[in-house]
N, C-alpha and C. Protein backbone atom coordinates (compact mmCIF):
# COMPACT_ATOMS: atom_id res chain seq x y z
N MET A 1 94.83 -1.63 -74.19
CA MET A 1 95.57 -1.40 -72.71
C MET A 1 94.70 -0.95 -71.68
N LYS A 2 94.41 -1.61 -70.69
CA LYS A 2 93.68 -1.05 -69.52
C LYS A 2 94.41 0.16 -68.77
N PHE A 3 93.68 0.88 -68.05
CA PHE A 3 94.33 2.37 -67.58
C PHE A 3 94.96 1.44 -66.08
N LEU A 4 94.34 0.65 -65.39
CA LEU A 4 95.33 -0.15 -63.97
C LEU A 4 95.52 -1.54 -64.60
N SER A 5 96.73 -1.72 -64.35
CA SER A 5 97.18 -3.06 -64.45
C SER A 5 98.53 -3.48 -63.73
N GLN A 6 98.46 -4.59 -63.35
CA GLN A 6 99.71 -4.95 -62.59
C GLN A 6 101.02 -5.08 -63.46
N ASP A 7 100.71 -5.37 -64.48
CA ASP A 7 102.07 -5.33 -65.55
C ASP A 7 102.37 -4.15 -66.03
N SER A 8 101.77 -3.03 -65.52
CA SER A 8 102.31 -1.55 -66.15
C SER A 8 103.49 -1.15 -65.33
N ASN A 9 104.31 -0.46 -66.07
CA ASN A 9 105.57 0.01 -65.73
C ASN A 9 105.49 1.31 -65.10
N GLN A 10 104.44 1.81 -65.16
CA GLN A 10 104.17 3.24 -64.55
C GLN A 10 103.81 3.22 -63.37
N ALA A 11 104.09 3.71 -62.21
CA ALA A 11 103.87 3.38 -60.85
C ALA A 11 102.05 3.80 -60.61
N PHE A 12 101.71 4.87 -61.21
CA PHE A 12 100.37 5.34 -60.89
C PHE A 12 99.38 4.55 -61.71
N ARG A 13 99.74 3.54 -62.60
CA ARG A 13 98.75 2.73 -63.01
C ARG A 13 98.76 1.36 -62.52
N ASN A 14 99.57 1.09 -61.49
CA ASN A 14 99.70 -0.02 -60.92
C ASN A 14 98.62 -0.06 -59.73
N PRO A 15 97.67 -1.07 -59.55
CA PRO A 15 96.59 -1.01 -58.58
C PRO A 15 97.14 -0.97 -57.35
N TRP A 16 98.29 -1.64 -56.95
CA TRP A 16 98.71 -1.75 -55.55
C TRP A 16 99.39 -0.40 -55.26
N VAL A 17 99.99 0.30 -56.00
CA VAL A 17 100.36 1.60 -55.77
C VAL A 17 99.46 2.49 -55.36
N VAL A 18 98.36 2.43 -56.19
CA VAL A 18 97.25 3.35 -56.19
C VAL A 18 96.48 3.04 -54.92
N GLY A 19 96.40 1.65 -54.43
CA GLY A 19 95.79 1.28 -53.07
C GLY A 19 96.59 1.78 -52.00
N TRP A 20 97.83 1.69 -52.04
CA TRP A 20 98.70 2.21 -50.75
C TRP A 20 98.54 3.69 -50.64
N ILE A 21 98.59 4.37 -51.62
CA ILE A 21 98.54 5.95 -51.59
C ILE A 21 96.93 6.35 -51.26
N SER A 22 96.15 5.55 -51.57
CA SER A 22 94.73 5.64 -51.19
C SER A 22 94.63 5.47 -49.55
N GLY A 23 95.22 4.41 -49.31
CA GLY A 23 95.16 4.11 -47.86
C GLY A 23 95.71 5.23 -46.99
N ILE A 24 96.86 5.58 -47.46
CA ILE A 24 97.63 6.58 -46.61
C ILE A 24 96.84 7.82 -46.63
N LEU A 25 96.35 8.21 -47.74
CA LEU A 25 95.30 9.47 -47.80
C LEU A 25 93.98 9.38 -46.74
N LEU A 26 93.54 8.06 -46.99
CA LEU A 26 92.34 8.11 -45.83
C LEU A 26 92.91 8.19 -44.35
N VAL A 27 94.02 7.63 -43.97
CA VAL A 27 94.59 7.76 -42.66
C VAL A 27 94.89 9.08 -42.39
N VAL A 28 95.17 10.01 -43.20
CA VAL A 28 95.67 11.24 -42.91
C VAL A 28 94.20 12.03 -43.05
N ALA A 29 93.32 11.96 -43.68
CA ALA A 29 91.95 12.62 -43.70
C ALA A 29 91.33 12.25 -42.31
N VAL A 30 91.27 10.88 -41.75
CA VAL A 30 90.71 10.58 -40.39
C VAL A 30 91.52 11.31 -39.55
N ASN A 31 92.85 11.44 -39.52
CA ASN A 31 93.43 11.99 -38.44
C ASN A 31 93.09 13.61 -38.31
N VAL A 32 93.06 14.32 -39.54
CA VAL A 32 92.89 15.64 -39.50
C VAL A 32 91.38 16.06 -38.97
N THR A 33 90.45 15.10 -39.21
CA THR A 33 89.16 15.14 -38.75
C THR A 33 89.25 15.07 -37.45
N PHE A 34 89.56 14.00 -36.87
CA PHE A 34 89.97 13.99 -35.20
C PHE A 34 90.57 15.24 -34.73
N ILE A 35 91.67 15.77 -35.35
CA ILE A 35 92.40 16.88 -34.79
C ILE A 35 91.40 18.07 -34.89
N PHE A 36 90.68 18.26 -35.89
CA PHE A 36 89.53 19.25 -35.90
C PHE A 36 88.59 19.27 -34.96
N THR A 37 88.04 18.01 -34.75
CA THR A 37 87.14 18.10 -33.79
C THR A 37 87.43 18.22 -32.41
N ALA A 38 88.87 17.66 -32.15
CA ALA A 38 89.14 18.04 -30.72
C ALA A 38 89.47 19.36 -30.51
N ILE A 39 89.75 20.07 -31.58
CA ILE A 39 89.96 21.66 -31.41
C ILE A 39 88.72 22.22 -31.12
N VAL A 40 87.74 21.95 -31.95
CA VAL A 40 86.31 22.69 -32.07
C VAL A 40 85.25 22.46 -30.86
N THR A 41 85.65 21.31 -30.16
CA THR A 41 84.48 20.70 -29.32
C THR A 41 84.82 21.01 -27.84
N ASN A 42 83.98 20.36 -27.07
CA ASN A 42 84.10 20.40 -25.59
C ASN A 42 85.50 20.23 -25.08
N PRO A 43 86.43 20.81 -24.47
CA PRO A 43 87.65 20.47 -23.73
C PRO A 43 87.62 19.02 -23.13
N GLY A 44 86.71 18.73 -22.51
CA GLY A 44 86.68 17.69 -21.75
C GLY A 44 87.25 17.76 -20.33
N LEU A 45 87.14 19.05 -19.76
CA LEU A 45 87.75 19.23 -18.51
C LEU A 45 87.14 18.58 -17.44
N VAL A 46 87.85 18.05 -16.65
CA VAL A 46 87.19 17.15 -15.35
C VAL A 46 86.73 18.26 -14.50
N GLU A 47 85.45 18.04 -13.91
CA GLU A 47 84.91 18.65 -13.07
C GLU A 47 84.81 18.02 -11.59
N GLU A 48 85.08 18.84 -10.71
CA GLU A 48 85.14 18.31 -9.23
C GLU A 48 83.98 17.44 -8.82
N ASP A 49 82.80 17.84 -9.22
CA ASP A 49 81.52 17.08 -8.89
C ASP A 49 80.89 16.43 -10.16
N TYR A 50 81.58 15.78 -10.92
CA TYR A 50 81.17 15.30 -12.32
C TYR A 50 80.14 14.43 -12.11
N TYR A 51 80.10 13.68 -11.21
CA TYR A 51 78.80 12.64 -11.09
C TYR A 51 77.67 13.44 -10.77
N GLU A 52 77.44 14.35 -10.07
CA GLU A 52 76.18 15.10 -9.71
C GLU A 52 75.79 15.85 -10.66
N LYS A 53 76.78 16.36 -11.60
CA LYS A 53 76.62 17.32 -12.81
C LYS A 53 76.16 16.26 -13.86
N GLY A 54 76.51 15.32 -14.13
CA GLY A 54 76.43 14.13 -15.08
C GLY A 54 75.11 13.45 -14.97
N ARG A 55 74.79 13.08 -13.72
CA ARG A 55 73.64 12.37 -13.45
C ARG A 55 72.33 12.97 -14.04
N ASP A 56 72.30 14.32 -14.14
CA ASP A 56 71.02 14.62 -14.85
C ASP A 56 71.29 15.54 -15.88
N HIS A 57 72.13 15.08 -16.64
CA HIS A 57 72.79 16.04 -17.91
C HIS A 57 71.77 16.51 -19.01
N GLU A 58 71.14 15.55 -19.33
CA GLU A 58 70.11 15.57 -20.28
C GLU A 58 68.84 16.88 -19.82
N LYS A 59 68.55 16.57 -18.48
CA LYS A 59 67.67 17.50 -18.02
C LYS A 59 68.20 18.90 -17.84
N ASN A 60 69.52 18.83 -17.14
CA ASN A 60 70.22 20.26 -16.97
C ASN A 60 70.12 20.89 -18.59
N PHE A 61 70.83 20.06 -19.41
CA PHE A 61 70.97 20.78 -20.91
C PHE A 61 69.67 21.38 -21.45
N GLN A 62 68.67 20.72 -21.43
CA GLN A 62 67.32 21.26 -21.79
C GLN A 62 66.73 22.22 -20.77
N ARG A 63 67.02 22.42 -19.78
CA ARG A 63 66.88 23.43 -18.66
C ARG A 63 67.51 24.80 -19.13
N LYS A 64 68.89 24.52 -19.45
CA LYS A 64 69.66 25.69 -19.94
C LYS A 64 69.30 26.40 -21.34
N GLN A 65 69.11 25.24 -22.09
CA GLN A 65 68.61 25.60 -23.47
C GLN A 65 67.17 26.59 -23.33
N ALA A 66 66.40 26.15 -22.48
CA ALA A 66 65.10 26.75 -22.31
C ALA A 66 65.34 28.05 -21.81
N ILE A 67 66.23 28.43 -20.87
CA ILE A 67 66.54 29.76 -20.13
C ILE A 67 67.17 30.35 -21.23
N ARG A 68 68.07 29.81 -22.00
CA ARG A 68 68.76 30.76 -23.10
C ARG A 68 67.74 31.13 -24.08
N ASN A 69 66.86 30.53 -24.40
CA ASN A 69 65.69 30.94 -25.63
C ASN A 69 64.75 31.83 -24.86
N GLU A 70 64.41 31.66 -23.66
CA GLU A 70 63.54 32.63 -22.84
C GLU A 70 64.05 33.85 -22.85
N LEU A 71 65.44 33.95 -22.15
CA LEU A 71 65.99 35.19 -21.95
C LEU A 71 66.44 35.96 -23.25
N GLY A 72 67.04 35.17 -24.25
CA GLY A 72 67.32 35.92 -25.45
C GLY A 72 68.33 36.87 -25.38
N TRP A 73 69.20 36.42 -24.40
CA TRP A 73 70.45 37.42 -24.25
C TRP A 73 71.44 37.26 -25.30
N GLN A 74 72.03 38.38 -25.78
CA GLN A 74 73.24 38.14 -26.72
C GLN A 74 74.41 38.81 -25.91
N MET A 75 75.20 37.86 -25.99
CA MET A 75 76.57 37.97 -25.12
C MET A 75 77.88 38.12 -25.96
N SER A 76 78.82 38.99 -25.67
CA SER A 76 80.16 38.91 -26.29
C SER A 76 81.09 38.98 -25.24
N LEU A 77 82.45 38.37 -25.64
CA LEU A 77 83.44 38.53 -24.78
C LEU A 77 84.79 39.00 -25.63
N ALA A 78 85.52 39.84 -25.12
CA ALA A 78 86.58 40.24 -26.05
C ALA A 78 87.75 40.55 -25.25
N PRO A 79 89.08 40.31 -25.49
CA PRO A 79 90.15 41.02 -25.02
C PRO A 79 90.48 42.28 -25.39
N ALA A 80 91.00 43.18 -24.72
CA ALA A 80 91.80 44.51 -25.42
C ALA A 80 92.76 44.08 -26.25
N ASN A 81 93.66 43.24 -25.81
CA ASN A 81 94.82 42.84 -26.76
C ASN A 81 94.95 41.44 -26.68
N LYS A 82 96.05 40.95 -27.47
CA LYS A 82 96.43 39.58 -27.49
C LYS A 82 97.06 39.18 -26.13
N PRO A 83 96.47 38.29 -25.44
CA PRO A 83 97.06 37.63 -24.42
C PRO A 83 98.46 37.11 -24.15
N ILE A 84 99.40 37.81 -23.69
CA ILE A 84 100.77 37.31 -23.48
C ILE A 84 101.04 36.82 -22.11
N VAL A 85 101.94 35.97 -21.98
CA VAL A 85 102.11 35.45 -20.51
C VAL A 85 103.04 36.50 -19.57
N GLY A 86 102.33 36.82 -18.41
CA GLY A 86 102.84 37.76 -17.45
C GLY A 86 102.42 39.01 -17.56
N GLU A 87 101.58 39.38 -18.64
CA GLU A 87 101.29 40.71 -18.90
C GLU A 87 100.12 40.72 -18.87
N PRO A 88 99.31 41.88 -18.01
CA PRO A 88 97.85 42.05 -17.84
C PRO A 88 97.00 42.31 -19.22
N VAL A 89 95.90 41.69 -19.43
CA VAL A 89 94.99 42.03 -20.24
C VAL A 89 93.58 42.03 -19.70
N THR A 90 92.80 43.24 -20.47
CA THR A 90 91.67 43.38 -19.92
C THR A 90 90.44 42.81 -20.92
N TYR A 91 89.65 42.08 -20.08
CA TYR A 91 88.60 41.49 -20.80
C TYR A 91 87.27 42.06 -20.34
N THR A 92 86.47 42.40 -21.74
CA THR A 92 85.34 43.07 -21.55
C THR A 92 83.96 42.31 -22.18
N PHE A 93 83.01 42.05 -21.28
CA PHE A 93 82.04 41.37 -21.53
C PHE A 93 80.88 42.44 -21.53
N ASN A 94 80.09 41.95 -22.73
CA ASN A 94 78.64 42.80 -23.02
C ASN A 94 77.54 41.87 -23.19
N ALA A 95 76.44 42.23 -22.57
CA ALA A 95 75.27 41.23 -22.51
C ALA A 95 73.96 42.44 -22.93
N VAL A 96 73.38 42.08 -23.78
CA VAL A 96 71.85 42.78 -24.13
C VAL A 96 70.85 41.71 -24.37
N ASP A 97 69.44 42.09 -24.11
CA ASP A 97 68.50 41.16 -24.26
C ASP A 97 68.14 41.13 -25.94
N PHE A 98 67.09 40.51 -26.17
CA PHE A 98 66.63 40.37 -27.70
C PHE A 98 66.22 41.74 -28.21
N THR A 99 65.80 42.55 -27.39
CA THR A 99 65.50 43.99 -27.94
C THR A 99 66.56 45.03 -28.05
N GLY A 100 67.93 44.59 -27.51
CA GLY A 100 68.97 45.53 -27.38
C GLY A 100 69.37 46.29 -26.32
N ILE A 101 68.21 45.86 -25.44
CA ILE A 101 68.64 46.59 -23.82
C ILE A 101 69.58 45.94 -23.16
N PRO A 102 70.42 46.73 -22.53
CA PRO A 102 71.82 46.07 -21.76
C PRO A 102 71.11 45.30 -20.74
N VAL A 103 71.60 44.16 -20.39
CA VAL A 103 71.19 43.28 -19.26
C VAL A 103 71.88 43.55 -17.82
N SER A 104 71.17 43.99 -16.96
CA SER A 104 71.59 44.26 -15.44
C SER A 104 71.56 43.15 -14.69
N ALA A 105 72.81 42.74 -14.48
CA ALA A 105 72.87 41.53 -13.50
C ALA A 105 73.53 41.73 -12.34
N ASP A 106 73.45 40.50 -11.25
CA ASP A 106 73.76 40.63 -10.08
C ASP A 106 75.29 40.66 -10.06
N ARG A 107 75.97 39.84 -10.73
CA ARG A 107 77.37 39.57 -11.01
C ARG A 107 77.91 38.75 -12.31
N ALA A 108 78.98 39.08 -12.72
CA ALA A 108 79.62 38.44 -13.62
C ALA A 108 80.87 37.65 -13.26
N VAL A 109 81.22 36.52 -13.76
CA VAL A 109 82.40 35.83 -13.14
C VAL A 109 83.14 35.55 -14.61
N LEU A 110 84.51 35.70 -14.63
CA LEU A 110 85.31 35.26 -15.62
C LEU A 110 86.19 33.99 -15.01
N SER A 111 86.21 33.02 -15.69
CA SER A 111 86.90 31.73 -15.39
C SER A 111 87.79 31.31 -16.44
N ALA A 112 88.97 30.93 -16.20
CA ALA A 112 90.15 30.63 -17.21
C ALA A 112 90.29 29.05 -16.82
N TYR A 113 90.15 28.20 -17.69
CA TYR A 113 90.41 26.90 -17.60
C TYR A 113 91.58 26.40 -18.46
N ARG A 114 92.64 25.66 -17.96
CA ARG A 114 93.74 25.37 -18.89
C ARG A 114 93.51 23.90 -19.09
N PRO A 115 93.16 23.44 -20.18
CA PRO A 115 92.95 21.97 -20.58
C PRO A 115 94.17 21.17 -20.10
N SER A 116 95.37 21.54 -20.30
CA SER A 116 96.37 20.68 -19.80
C SER A 116 96.86 20.73 -18.19
N ASP A 117 96.40 21.52 -17.67
CA ASP A 117 96.89 21.83 -16.27
C ASP A 117 95.79 22.48 -15.35
N VAL A 118 95.05 21.51 -14.53
CA VAL A 118 93.86 21.91 -13.69
C VAL A 118 94.39 23.02 -12.58
N ASP A 119 95.64 22.77 -12.08
CA ASP A 119 96.28 23.47 -11.20
C ASP A 119 96.40 24.87 -11.49
N ALA A 120 96.40 25.56 -12.86
CA ALA A 120 96.56 27.02 -13.36
C ALA A 120 95.25 27.41 -13.44
N ASP A 121 93.98 26.89 -13.33
CA ASP A 121 92.82 27.50 -13.46
C ASP A 121 92.31 28.31 -12.55
N PHE A 122 91.75 29.64 -12.84
CA PHE A 122 91.38 30.51 -11.83
C PHE A 122 89.95 31.04 -12.17
N GLN A 123 89.50 31.84 -11.22
CA GLN A 123 88.13 32.60 -11.47
C GLN A 123 88.15 34.01 -10.84
N LEU A 124 87.78 34.84 -11.49
CA LEU A 124 87.70 36.33 -11.18
C LEU A 124 86.26 37.08 -11.19
N ASP A 125 85.96 37.69 -10.33
CA ASP A 125 84.75 38.43 -10.43
C ASP A 125 85.03 39.82 -11.33
N MET A 126 84.06 40.09 -11.99
CA MET A 126 84.13 41.07 -13.23
C MET A 126 83.39 42.31 -12.58
N ASN A 127 84.20 43.67 -12.81
CA ASN A 127 83.58 44.79 -12.24
C ASN A 127 82.47 45.51 -13.63
N LYS A 128 81.44 45.96 -12.68
CA LYS A 128 80.38 46.54 -13.82
C LYS A 128 80.78 48.04 -14.13
N VAL A 129 81.11 48.10 -15.52
CA VAL A 129 81.43 49.25 -16.16
C VAL A 129 80.48 50.04 -16.34
N ALA A 130 79.25 49.50 -16.80
CA ALA A 130 78.02 50.44 -17.25
C ALA A 130 76.93 49.25 -17.39
N ALA A 131 75.74 49.54 -17.77
CA ALA A 131 74.70 48.79 -17.78
C ALA A 131 75.11 47.62 -19.01
N GLY A 132 75.06 46.32 -18.59
CA GLY A 132 75.37 45.30 -19.54
C GLY A 132 76.76 45.19 -19.74
N VAL A 133 77.60 45.96 -19.18
CA VAL A 133 79.08 46.09 -19.72
C VAL A 133 79.78 45.69 -18.57
N TYR A 134 80.60 44.59 -18.47
CA TYR A 134 81.55 44.01 -17.38
C TYR A 134 82.99 44.07 -17.84
N SER A 135 83.97 44.16 -17.04
CA SER A 135 85.36 44.37 -17.26
C SER A 135 86.24 43.65 -16.03
N VAL A 136 87.20 42.93 -16.52
CA VAL A 136 88.19 42.52 -15.70
C VAL A 136 89.55 42.31 -16.17
N GLU A 137 90.79 42.78 -15.32
CA GLU A 137 92.02 42.46 -15.87
C GLU A 137 92.59 41.50 -15.30
N THR A 138 93.43 40.41 -16.05
CA THR A 138 94.04 39.43 -15.63
C THR A 138 95.22 39.19 -16.29
N THR A 139 96.08 38.35 -15.50
CA THR A 139 97.23 37.94 -16.11
C THR A 139 97.32 36.19 -16.39
N PHE A 140 97.84 36.06 -17.50
CA PHE A 140 97.80 34.29 -17.69
C PHE A 140 99.33 34.03 -17.06
N PRO A 141 99.46 33.03 -16.32
CA PRO A 141 100.56 32.58 -15.77
C PRO A 141 101.63 31.78 -16.69
N LEU A 142 100.93 30.90 -17.63
CA LEU A 142 101.52 29.93 -18.63
C LEU A 142 100.89 30.21 -19.99
N LYS A 143 101.99 29.98 -20.83
CA LYS A 143 101.40 29.93 -22.14
C LYS A 143 100.83 28.69 -22.51
N GLY A 144 100.04 28.88 -23.98
CA GLY A 144 99.28 27.81 -24.44
C GLY A 144 97.73 28.07 -24.67
N ILE A 145 97.06 27.07 -24.75
CA ILE A 145 95.57 27.19 -24.92
C ILE A 145 94.97 27.43 -23.46
N TRP A 146 93.81 28.02 -23.53
CA TRP A 146 93.10 28.53 -22.37
C TRP A 146 91.58 28.36 -22.91
N ASP A 147 90.77 27.96 -22.06
CA ASP A 147 89.37 28.24 -22.45
C ASP A 147 88.79 29.20 -21.29
N VAL A 148 88.40 30.31 -21.80
CA VAL A 148 88.03 31.65 -21.11
C VAL A 148 86.32 31.57 -21.07
N THR A 149 85.72 31.51 -19.76
CA THR A 149 84.25 31.50 -19.91
C THR A 149 83.96 32.52 -18.98
N THR A 150 82.85 33.33 -19.33
CA THR A 150 82.15 34.37 -18.56
C THR A 150 80.74 33.93 -18.20
N THR A 151 80.41 33.91 -16.87
CA THR A 151 79.16 33.74 -16.56
C THR A 151 78.17 34.82 -16.01
N LEU A 152 77.14 35.02 -16.49
CA LEU A 152 76.43 36.15 -15.96
C LEU A 152 75.34 35.67 -15.23
N HIS A 153 75.11 36.20 -13.77
CA HIS A 153 74.13 35.72 -13.20
C HIS A 153 73.11 36.83 -12.83
N GLN A 154 71.97 36.41 -12.92
CA GLN A 154 70.80 37.27 -12.55
C GLN A 154 69.66 36.60 -11.76
N GLY A 155 69.76 36.95 -10.55
CA GLY A 155 68.83 36.20 -9.75
C GLY A 155 68.97 34.59 -9.95
N GLU A 156 67.87 33.86 -10.20
CA GLU A 156 68.05 32.48 -10.36
C GLU A 156 68.81 31.95 -11.63
N ASN A 157 68.71 33.02 -12.56
CA ASN A 157 69.24 32.77 -14.01
C ASN A 157 70.60 32.83 -14.11
N HIS A 158 71.42 31.97 -14.89
CA HIS A 158 72.71 32.50 -15.20
C HIS A 158 72.95 31.80 -16.72
N LEU A 159 73.69 32.46 -17.31
CA LEU A 159 74.06 32.10 -18.63
C LEU A 159 75.67 32.18 -19.04
N ASP A 160 76.33 31.62 -19.99
CA ASP A 160 77.62 31.80 -19.79
C ASP A 160 78.10 31.66 -21.35
N ILE A 161 79.41 32.14 -21.70
CA ILE A 161 79.85 32.18 -23.21
C ILE A 161 81.27 31.77 -22.88
N THR A 162 81.79 31.03 -23.81
CA THR A 162 83.11 30.44 -23.79
C THR A 162 84.01 30.61 -24.96
N ARG A 163 85.04 31.05 -24.87
CA ARG A 163 86.01 31.52 -25.83
C ARG A 163 87.39 30.79 -25.65
N ARG A 164 88.16 29.81 -26.38
CA ARG A 164 89.07 29.43 -26.53
C ARG A 164 90.22 30.20 -27.20
N ILE A 165 91.33 30.54 -26.28
CA ILE A 165 92.30 31.41 -26.65
C ILE A 165 93.48 30.91 -26.56
N SER A 166 94.52 31.41 -27.27
CA SER A 166 96.06 30.94 -27.21
C SER A 166 96.59 32.14 -26.49
N VAL A 167 97.36 31.72 -25.41
CA VAL A 167 98.31 32.64 -24.69
C VAL A 167 99.75 32.58 -25.14
N SER A 168 100.52 33.53 -25.40
CA SER A 168 101.61 33.27 -26.36
C SER A 168 102.83 34.05 -25.48
N VAL A 169 104.21 33.64 -25.68
CA VAL A 169 105.11 34.30 -24.97
C VAL A 169 105.48 35.60 -26.15
N GLN A 170 106.05 36.57 -25.49
CA GLN A 170 106.09 37.74 -26.21
C GLN A 170 107.42 37.57 -27.27
């Protein structure tokens, strides 16, 4: 007696049942992959000057990577507590060079992007707390997913770090 047979009375030994279950599992696996990719990759936010930025995208990307490798900055961005709608939260940004010496920059800017609503986006200048340490207090007006980017400017050089956060209702 064969393991798979159309004449079998047991459902999991019928090739049609096995085929349908395999097809459904394949669709679920592909959808899970798409969802995972959508969460961990670029949010696809629309830029105001997308044409100018996209025209030389490859050259700009290589230039940015070269600057990142040349400077060797290690950057971190962390909130003091979990962001809640309407409540202030303090973000602290740290930057050191490859030897561990704090990076003294001209300015640091925190930008908050809401992937689903461009009207809620905002930018804030961060205050210098100490050498290589910057801080800003902000309040998020809406719950949901936000992309928080801090850009450190030092003369002609600027590098950024982005974190995806979830703002909740208390």
